Protein backbone atom coordinates (compact mmCIF):
# COMPACT_ATOMS: atom_id res chain seq x y z
CA MET A 1 3.01 25.35 43.52
CA SER A 2 4.18 24.65 47.06
CA ALA A 3 6.50 21.82 48.00
CA ASP A 4 3.57 20.01 49.70
CA THR A 5 1.32 20.10 46.64
CA PRO A 6 1.14 16.74 44.84
CA GLN A 7 2.82 17.06 41.48
CA PRO A 8 1.46 15.36 38.36
CA ASP A 9 3.21 12.28 37.06
CA PRO A 10 5.09 12.46 33.74
CA LEU A 11 3.10 11.59 30.65
CA LEU A 12 3.95 8.85 28.21
CA ASP A 13 3.88 11.57 25.56
CA ASP A 14 6.83 13.24 27.29
CA LEU A 15 8.85 10.11 28.12
CA MET A 16 8.57 8.70 24.55
CA PRO A 17 8.25 11.96 22.61
CA TRP A 18 8.23 10.72 19.01
CA ALA A 19 4.85 9.29 18.04
CA VAL A 20 3.37 8.56 14.63
CA GLY A 21 -0.27 8.14 13.66
CA GLY A 22 -1.41 4.70 12.59
CA LEU A 23 -1.26 3.48 9.02
CA ARG A 24 -4.39 4.16 6.95
CA LEU A 25 -4.63 1.31 4.48
CA GLY A 26 -7.56 2.66 2.50
CA ARG A 27 -8.65 -0.80 1.26
CA ASP A 28 -9.16 -3.98 3.22
CA TRP A 29 -7.89 -6.43 0.60
CA VAL A 30 -4.21 -5.42 1.05
CA VAL A 31 -4.11 -7.21 4.42
CA SER A 32 -5.03 -10.80 5.28
CA PRO A 33 -4.36 -13.49 7.89
CA ASP A 34 -3.15 -15.67 5.00
CA PRO A 35 -0.15 -14.58 2.86
CA ALA A 36 -1.15 -16.92 0.01
CA ALA A 37 -4.47 -15.07 -0.28
CA LEU A 38 -2.57 -11.81 -0.81
CA ARG A 39 -0.59 -13.31 -3.68
CA THR A 40 -3.82 -14.53 -5.26
CA ARG A 41 -5.43 -11.11 -4.90
CA TRP A 42 -2.39 -9.46 -6.50
CA SER A 43 -2.51 -11.85 -9.43
CA VAL A 44 -6.22 -11.23 -10.02
CA LEU A 45 -5.82 -7.45 -9.83
CA ALA A 46 -2.75 -7.39 -12.07
CA GLY A 47 -4.62 -9.46 -14.68
CA ALA A 48 -7.71 -7.25 -14.67
CA GLU A 49 -8.16 -4.29 -17.00
CA GLY A 50 -10.15 -1.09 -17.30
CA VAL A 51 -13.34 -0.78 -15.27
CA GLU A 52 -12.88 -4.19 -13.67
CA ARG A 53 -9.42 -3.24 -12.39
CA ASP A 54 -10.81 -0.02 -10.91
CA ARG A 55 -13.62 -1.93 -9.22
CA LEU A 56 -11.23 -4.43 -7.70
CA PHE A 57 -8.68 -1.81 -6.69
CA ARG A 58 -11.23 0.33 -4.79
CA PRO A 59 -9.73 3.77 -5.58
CA SER A 60 -9.61 6.55 -3.01
CA ARG A 61 -8.55 10.19 -3.19
CA SER A 62 -5.06 9.11 -2.16
CA ARG A 63 -4.56 6.01 -4.31
CA THR A 64 -5.79 4.91 -7.73
CA PRO A 65 -4.41 2.43 -10.28
CA THR A 66 -3.06 5.37 -12.30
CA ALA A 67 -1.15 6.95 -9.41
CA SER A 68 2.53 6.21 -8.77
CA ALA A 69 4.25 6.22 -5.40
CA ALA A 70 7.68 5.77 -3.87
CA ALA A 71 8.89 2.38 -2.74
CA LEU A 72 8.52 1.78 0.97
CA PRO A 73 11.90 1.88 2.75
CA GLY A 74 13.39 -1.59 2.87
CA GLN A 75 10.90 -2.97 0.33
CA ARG A 76 12.85 -2.88 -2.93
CA SER A 77 10.69 -5.57 -4.57
CA ALA A 78 7.67 -3.26 -4.75
CA GLY A 79 7.16 -1.28 -7.96
CA THR A 80 7.09 2.51 -8.27
CA ALA A 81 5.56 2.86 -11.76
CA ARG A 82 1.84 3.39 -12.09
CA PHE A 83 0.08 0.14 -11.21
CA ALA A 84 -2.09 0.40 -14.31
CA ASP A 85 1.06 0.49 -16.49
CA ALA A 86 3.38 -1.94 -14.73
CA PRO A 87 2.13 -3.80 -11.64
CA GLY A 88 5.37 -5.78 -11.42
CA PRO A 89 5.81 -8.95 -9.40
CA CYS A 90 3.93 -9.41 -6.16
CA PRO A 91 6.02 -8.07 -3.24
CA ASP A 92 6.65 -10.49 -0.40
CA PRO A 93 3.93 -10.01 2.26
CA VAL A 94 5.22 -8.74 5.61
CA ARG A 95 3.97 -9.50 9.10
CA VAL A 96 1.98 -6.71 10.76
CA LEU A 97 -0.17 -6.19 13.83
CA ARG A 98 -3.66 -5.62 12.43
CA GLU A 99 -5.70 -5.55 15.64
CA PRO A 100 -4.73 -6.01 19.30
CA PHE A 101 -2.91 -9.38 19.49
CA ASP A 102 -3.90 -10.21 15.89
CA GLU A 103 -0.86 -10.65 13.64
CA GLN A 104 -1.68 -10.72 9.92
CA TRP A 105 0.09 -10.06 6.58
CA LEU A 106 0.32 -6.93 4.42
CA LEU A 107 1.27 -6.24 0.80
CA PRO A 108 4.11 -3.69 1.33
CA ASP A 109 3.44 -1.60 -1.79
CA GLN A 110 2.86 2.11 -1.22
CA ARG A 111 0.84 2.33 -4.45
CA LEU A 112 -1.86 0.34 -2.65
CA ILE A 113 -1.83 2.06 0.76
CA ASP A 114 -3.36 5.47 1.43
CA THR A 115 -1.02 6.49 4.27
CA ALA A 116 1.84 4.03 4.76
CA ARG A 117 3.99 6.08 7.22
CA PRO A 118 7.42 5.64 5.54
CA GLU A 119 9.11 7.07 8.64
CA LEU A 120 8.13 3.90 10.51
CA TRP A 121 9.37 1.59 7.75
CA ARG A 122 12.77 3.35 7.90
CA VAL A 123 13.29 2.24 11.50
CA LEU A 124 11.70 -1.22 11.18
CA ASP A 125 14.26 -3.95 11.80
CA GLU A 126 15.06 -6.83 14.15
CA HIS A 127 16.04 -4.40 16.92
CA GLN A 128 12.83 -2.38 16.90
CA LEU A 129 9.82 -2.59 19.18
CA PHE A 130 6.65 -0.53 18.81
CA LEU A 131 4.48 0.64 21.68
CA VAL A 132 0.89 1.10 20.53
CA GLU A 133 -1.75 3.06 22.46
CA ALA A 134 -4.75 0.75 22.18
CA PRO A 135 -5.96 2.20 24.72
CA GLU A 136 -3.76 0.42 27.27
CA PRO A 137 -0.31 0.32 25.65
CA LEU A 138 0.77 -2.95 24.10
CA VAL A 139 4.13 -3.79 22.53
CA THR A 140 4.83 -5.58 19.27
CA ALA A 141 7.90 -6.40 17.20
CA HIS A 142 5.79 -6.07 14.03
CA LEU A 143 4.72 -2.89 12.31
CA PRO A 144 1.25 -1.91 13.57
CA ALA A 145 -1.10 -1.54 10.60
CA GLY A 146 -4.58 -1.13 12.02
CA ARG A 147 -6.82 1.24 13.93
CA LEU A 148 -4.74 0.88 17.06
CA GLY A 149 -3.88 4.43 18.10
CA ARG A 150 -0.61 6.32 17.95
CA ILE A 151 2.61 4.37 17.49
CA ARG A 152 5.80 5.04 19.50
CA PRO A 153 8.93 3.23 18.22
CA LEU A 154 11.43 2.34 20.94
CA HIS A 155 14.33 3.50 18.74
CA ARG A 156 14.59 6.54 16.48
CA ARG A 157 17.12 5.00 14.09
CA PRO A 158 17.78 1.54 12.60
CA GLY A 159 20.03 -0.85 14.45
CA GLY A 160 18.60 0.00 17.85
CA ALA A 161 20.33 3.39 17.77
CA GLU A 162 19.11 6.50 19.61
CA PRO A 163 16.28 5.57 21.96
CA ASN A 164 12.95 7.33 21.56
CA LEU A 165 13.15 8.60 25.13
CA ALA A 166 13.33 12.02 26.66
CA PRO A 167 16.99 13.16 26.76
CA GLY A 168 18.47 12.66 30.21
CA LEU A 169 15.99 9.98 31.27
CA LEU A 170 18.31 6.96 31.12
CA PRO A 171 21.23 8.66 32.97
CA LEU A 172 18.84 9.93 35.66
CA LEU A 173 17.29 6.52 36.26
CA ALA A 174 20.71 4.84 36.30
CA GLU A 175 21.99 7.33 38.88
CA ARG A 176 18.94 7.02 41.13
CA HIS A 177 18.65 3.25 41.02
CA GLY A 178 22.30 2.27 41.00
CA GLY A 179 22.64 0.30 37.79
CA TRP A 180 22.57 0.31 34.02
CA VAL A 181 19.13 1.14 32.61
CA THR A 182 18.24 0.20 29.04
CA PRO A 183 15.52 1.58 26.75
CA GLU A 184 13.74 -1.77 27.05
CA ASP A 185 13.76 -1.37 30.86
CA VAL A 186 11.85 1.90 30.47
CA LEU A 187 9.39 0.19 28.13
CA CYS A 188 8.83 -2.54 30.71
CA TRP A 189 8.31 0.04 33.45
CA ILE A 190 5.66 1.77 31.32
CA LEU A 191 3.81 -1.54 30.90
CA ALA A 192 3.86 -2.18 34.66
CA ALA A 193 3.33 1.27 36.15
CA GLY A 194 1.55 3.38 33.52
CA ARG A 195 -2.11 4.26 34.00
CA PRO A 196 -4.64 6.33 32.01
CA GLY A 197 -5.40 9.67 33.64
CA PRO A 198 -7.29 12.88 32.94
CA ARG A 199 -4.19 14.47 31.35
CA GLY A 200 -3.30 11.44 29.22
CA TYR A 201 -1.40 8.23 29.90
CA GLU A 202 0.56 8.86 33.11
CA VAL A 203 3.79 7.07 33.99
CA PRO A 204 5.03 7.65 37.56
CA LEU A 205 8.80 7.16 37.87
CA ALA A 206 9.65 5.43 41.15
CA ALA A 207 12.08 7.20 43.48
CA ASP A 208 12.66 4.03 45.52
CA PRO A 209 15.12 1.51 43.96
CA GLY A 210 13.18 -1.40 45.41
CA ARG A 211 9.93 -0.35 43.77
CA TRP A 212 11.80 0.29 40.54
CA ARG A 213 13.21 -3.26 40.52
CA ALA A 214 9.80 -4.74 41.33
CA GLY A 215 8.22 -2.83 38.48
CA LEU A 216 10.92 -3.94 36.06
CA GLU A 217 10.42 -7.57 37.04
CA LEU A 218 6.67 -7.34 36.43
CA GLY A 219 7.13 -5.33 33.24
CA HIS A 220 9.60 -7.81 31.76
CA ARG A 221 7.10 -10.62 32.34
CA LEU A 222 4.38 -8.58 30.62
CA LEU A 223 6.68 -7.81 27.70
CA THR A 224 7.73 -11.45 27.32
CA VAL A 225 4.10 -12.54 27.08
CA GLN A 226 3.09 -9.77 24.68
CA LEU A 227 5.95 -10.48 22.26
CA ARG A 228 4.93 -14.15 21.92
CA GLY A 229 8.38 -15.42 21.03
CA ALA A 230 9.53 -12.46 18.92
CA ARG A 231 12.87 -11.06 20.07
CA GLY A 232 13.33 -14.09 22.36
CA GLY A 233 10.01 -13.48 24.10
CA GLY A 234 9.57 -17.14 25.01
CA GLY A 235 6.20 -17.49 23.35
CA ALA A 236 7.03 -20.81 21.72
CA ALA A 237 7.63 -22.49 25.06
CA ALA A 238 4.47 -20.94 26.43
CA ALA A 239 2.46 -22.17 23.45
CA ARG A 240 3.47 -25.75 24.25
CA ARG A 241 1.69 -25.34 27.59
CA ALA A 242 -1.49 -24.03 25.94
CA PRO A 243 -4.76 -25.95 26.13
CA PRO A 244 -5.31 -27.72 22.80
CA VAL A 245 -7.75 -26.33 20.24
CA ARG A 246 -8.73 -28.21 17.10
CA PRO A 247 -10.37 -26.99 13.90
CA LEU A 248 -13.46 -28.78 12.63
CA GLY A 249 -12.44 -31.47 10.17
CA GLY A 250 -13.79 -31.41 6.63
CA ARG A 251 -15.77 -28.19 6.92
CA GLY A 252 -13.24 -25.63 5.75
CA VAL A 253 -12.81 -22.11 7.03
CA ALA A 254 -16.54 -21.46 7.11
CA GLY A 255 -16.77 -24.00 9.92
CA ARG A 256 -13.84 -22.29 11.70
CA ALA A 257 -12.15 -23.70 14.80
CA ARG A 258 -14.23 -24.44 17.84
CA VAL A 259 -13.05 -23.63 21.32
CA ARG A 260 -14.90 -24.11 24.56
CA ARG A 261 -14.86 -21.97 27.66
CA GLY A 262 -15.07 -24.47 30.47
CA ASP A 263 -18.10 -26.69 29.72
CA ARG A 264 -19.71 -24.28 27.26
CA ASP A 265 -18.81 -24.06 23.60
CA ALA A 266 -17.51 -20.62 22.71
CA GLY A 267 -17.79 -21.23 19.00
CA ALA A 268 -21.13 -22.95 18.26
CA GLY A 269 -20.47 -26.17 19.76
CA GLU A 270 -19.11 -29.51 18.84
CA ARG A 271 -18.34 -32.16 21.40
CA ASN A 272 -14.74 -32.38 20.24
CA GLY A 273 -14.07 -28.73 21.03
CA LEU A 274 -11.52 -28.46 23.84
CA PRO A 275 -11.59 -25.98 26.72
CA VAL A 276 -9.96 -22.58 26.79
CA PRO A 277 -9.29 -20.77 30.09
CA ALA A 278 -12.04 -18.31 30.96
CA GLY A 279 -9.50 -15.51 31.27
CA ALA A 280 -8.43 -16.00 27.65
CA TRP A 281 -11.97 -16.23 26.29
CA GLU A 282 -13.14 -13.13 28.19
CA PHE A 283 -10.04 -11.02 27.45
CA GLU A 284 -11.23 -7.74 25.93
CA VAL A 285 -9.69 -4.65 24.36
CA GLN A 286 -11.98 -1.63 24.07
CA GLY A 287 -15.00 -3.80 24.84
CA VAL A 288 -14.24 -6.36 22.10
CA ARG A 289 -13.29 -9.93 22.92
CA VAL A 290 -9.94 -10.58 21.30
CA LEU A 291 -10.64 -14.23 20.43
CA GLU A 292 -13.97 -13.38 18.79
CA SER A 293 -12.32 -10.63 16.75
CA TRP A 294 -9.50 -12.99 15.76
CA PHE A 295 -11.95 -15.61 14.49
CA ALA A 296 -14.03 -12.99 12.66
CA ALA A 297 -10.97 -11.79 10.74
CA ARG A 298 -10.35 -15.35 9.51
CA THR A 299 -13.91 -16.02 8.38
CA ALA A 300 -14.76 -12.59 6.93
CA HIS A 301 -14.19 -13.70 3.34
CA CYS A 302 -16.79 -16.46 3.81
CA GLY A 303 -19.61 -14.11 4.79
CA PRO A 304 -22.25 -12.59 2.50
CA GLU A 305 -20.74 -9.12 2.94
CA ALA A 306 -17.42 -10.20 1.41
CA ASP A 307 -16.85 -8.66 -2.01
CA GLY A 308 -14.14 -8.14 -4.57
CA LEU A 309 -10.57 -9.09 -3.74
CA ALA A 310 -11.32 -9.32 -0.02
CA ALA A 311 -13.53 -12.33 -0.76
CA LEU A 312 -10.49 -14.32 -1.94
CA GLY A 313 -9.18 -16.42 0.93
CA PRO A 314 -8.26 -19.99 1.84
CA ALA A 315 -10.89 -22.65 1.17
CA GLU A 316 -9.69 -24.77 4.10
CA TRP A 317 -8.52 -23.86 7.58
CA PRO A 318 -4.68 -23.61 7.35
CA GLN A 319 -2.72 -25.55 9.94
CA SER A 320 -0.72 -22.39 10.64
CA TRP A 321 -3.87 -20.73 11.98
CA THR A 322 -4.27 -23.48 14.57
CA SER A 323 -0.68 -22.90 15.72
CA GLU A 324 -1.34 -19.15 15.91
CA LEU A 325 -4.52 -19.78 17.87
CA LEU A 326 -2.64 -21.90 20.41
CA ALA A 327 -0.13 -19.12 20.91
CA LEU A 328 -2.86 -16.48 21.18
CA VAL A 329 -4.85 -18.45 23.75
CA THR A 330 -1.70 -18.84 25.82
CA THR A 331 -0.87 -15.15 25.55
CA LEU A 332 -4.34 -14.04 26.64
CA ALA A 333 -4.48 -16.56 29.47
CA LEU A 334 -1.10 -15.43 30.84
CA LEU A 335 -2.03 -11.75 30.55
CA ALA A 336 -5.28 -12.45 32.39
CA GLU A 337 -3.27 -14.12 35.16
CA LEU A 338 -0.94 -11.12 35.38
CA ALA A 339 -3.76 -8.54 35.35
CA PRO A 340 -4.46 -8.59 39.14
CA GLU A 341 -0.75 -8.23 39.94
CA ARG A 342 -0.43 -5.33 37.54
CA ALA A 343 -3.56 -3.64 38.91
CA ALA A 344 -2.21 -3.94 42.46
CA PHE A 345 1.29 -2.69 41.65
CA GLU A 346 2.19 0.53 43.48
CA PRO A 347 5.23 2.44 42.22
CA GLY A 348 5.52 4.43 45.44
CA PRO A 349 6.63 8.07 45.62
CA GLY A 350 7.77 9.43 42.28
CA LEU A 351 10.88 11.33 41.29
CA PRO A 352 10.37 15.05 41.95
CA ALA A 353 9.42 17.15 38.93
CA ALA A 354 12.30 19.51 39.79
CA ASP A 355 14.76 16.61 39.37
CA LEU A 356 13.21 15.68 36.03
CA ARG A 357 13.54 19.27 34.81
CA ALA A 358 17.11 19.57 36.07
CA ALA A 359 18.09 16.37 34.24
CA GLY A 360 16.61 17.63 30.97
CA VAL A 361 13.81 15.06 30.97
CA LEU A 362 10.97 17.59 31.16
CA PRO A 363 9.96 19.19 28.98
CA PRO A 364 11.38 17.16 26.08
CA PRO A 365 12.95 19.32 23.34
CA ALA A 366 10.97 19.94 20.16
CA TRP A 367 13.43 17.94 18.02
CA SER A 368 12.71 14.77 20.02
CA ARG A 369 9.11 14.81 18.78
CA ARG A 370 10.19 14.65 15.14
CA PRO A 371 11.64 11.62 13.31
CA ALA A 372 15.41 11.39 13.16
CA SER A 373 17.15 12.06 9.87
CA VAL A 374 17.88 8.65 8.30
CA LEU A 375 19.96 9.27 5.18
CA ASP A 376 22.38 6.36 5.11
CA HIS A 377 20.71 4.74 2.09
CA GLN A 378 18.89 5.72 -1.08
CA GLU A 379 15.18 5.18 -1.61
CA GLU A 380 13.38 4.82 -4.91
CA GLY A 381 10.76 7.48 -5.53
CA PRO A 382 7.76 7.44 -7.89
CA GLY A 383 8.57 6.25 -11.39
CA GLY A 384 12.00 4.98 -10.41
CA GLN A 385 13.37 8.39 -9.42
CA PHE A 386 15.56 8.60 -6.34
CA ALA A 387 13.54 9.87 -3.41
CA LEU A 388 14.49 13.16 -1.78
CA LEU A 389 14.22 12.74 1.99
C-alpha cells in the first residue's frame, strides 16, 4: 500500500477489544417495567407445584425448575439450590436496559436466565458504562439485558480499573492532542465520530487537536443525554424541561398514557393529551419507534396474547411510569436535535495507521479480547459450593 493510498479507519472492535454477547433470558416473565410485578410473579411461581410450576416456569434446554446454577456475581440474595427444592426469598430486582432507551427491571437469579453472562456482572458497579451496538452504539449505566447486540464494557475490572481500550491508545491520544485523555473521552469520541462501514463500525481518530476537541464536546453532550441522569448525566434537570404528558385517569394500564404529536394524538386520542415534539415521537431504532415500543412493553400484560406469569402486571398506571416517560421524551427530543450536528461532524484527517501500529494500538493483543481475571472475591456456585473461576 503506497503512502498516497487512503487507509481504512480503525474499527470499534479494535479500539474496544473486549465484547460480550447479549444476555439470553429464555423467558419473558423474568423482566418487567414494574419491580412489584416481578415480586408477585416470584411468589406465584414459588407457591406452585408439579405440572403447574413447570408451565409457569417455561423450561428450556438451559434452565428448568430442577436445575441449579451459581449465584450471579454481586447478587448474594439469589439462591443456588434447585428452584424446585428451595426457591428462597425473591432477590431484589435490578435495573437493566431491555430495549433501546427502555429501562426495566430484572430478577437477578441465574436459575431463571438461560445465558446471564456472569463476566458482565463481575464488572457491574457505579463506575461502569456499557456501549451497546444497537446498531448505532448507545451507552448505558445499566446492564443491557435485551436483543441489543454485542456489549462492550468501558472498564475490564470493577472500580473503573483497566479500561477496555486497545493498549497504547490513551497515551497516543494524550501525546497528539496535548492533554490528559480519559476512557470516557474515547467513549464520547466514538459516539460523535463513529460511523457504520462495510468492514464494521469505523471510528476515525482525528490527527488535528482542534477537531479532536470539537468531537469531544459533541460526544460529551450525546453521552449526557443518553445517560439520563445516571453518573451525573443531568437527565433530571432535562426532564423538568420536558413537555408534560398525563396518563388517562381511571382507566388503568389498559388505557395507557396518551401523548400527542403536535395537533394529532399519537396514542388514540383524548383532548387532554399534551403535545410531544415531533423529533421525539418519530425517533426510531432499527425501524421501530422508541416511544411506541416503550408503551407496548407497559401494556403487553393487558393484551390477549399475555399468558402465564407474564400476564401479571400492575392494574393501574404507576406514577413512576409517567416520570420515566417525561425523561424519555426529553431524551429523544434532545437526541433528535443533536442528530443533524452529529451527521455533519467531520473528524478531519485521521492518525496514520503506521502511528497506531507503532504505539501498540493496532492490532490489539489477543488477551485484550478476553475478560480480565477478577478473583478478589468468592462466588457461590450451584448448591452452595464455592465457584471455581
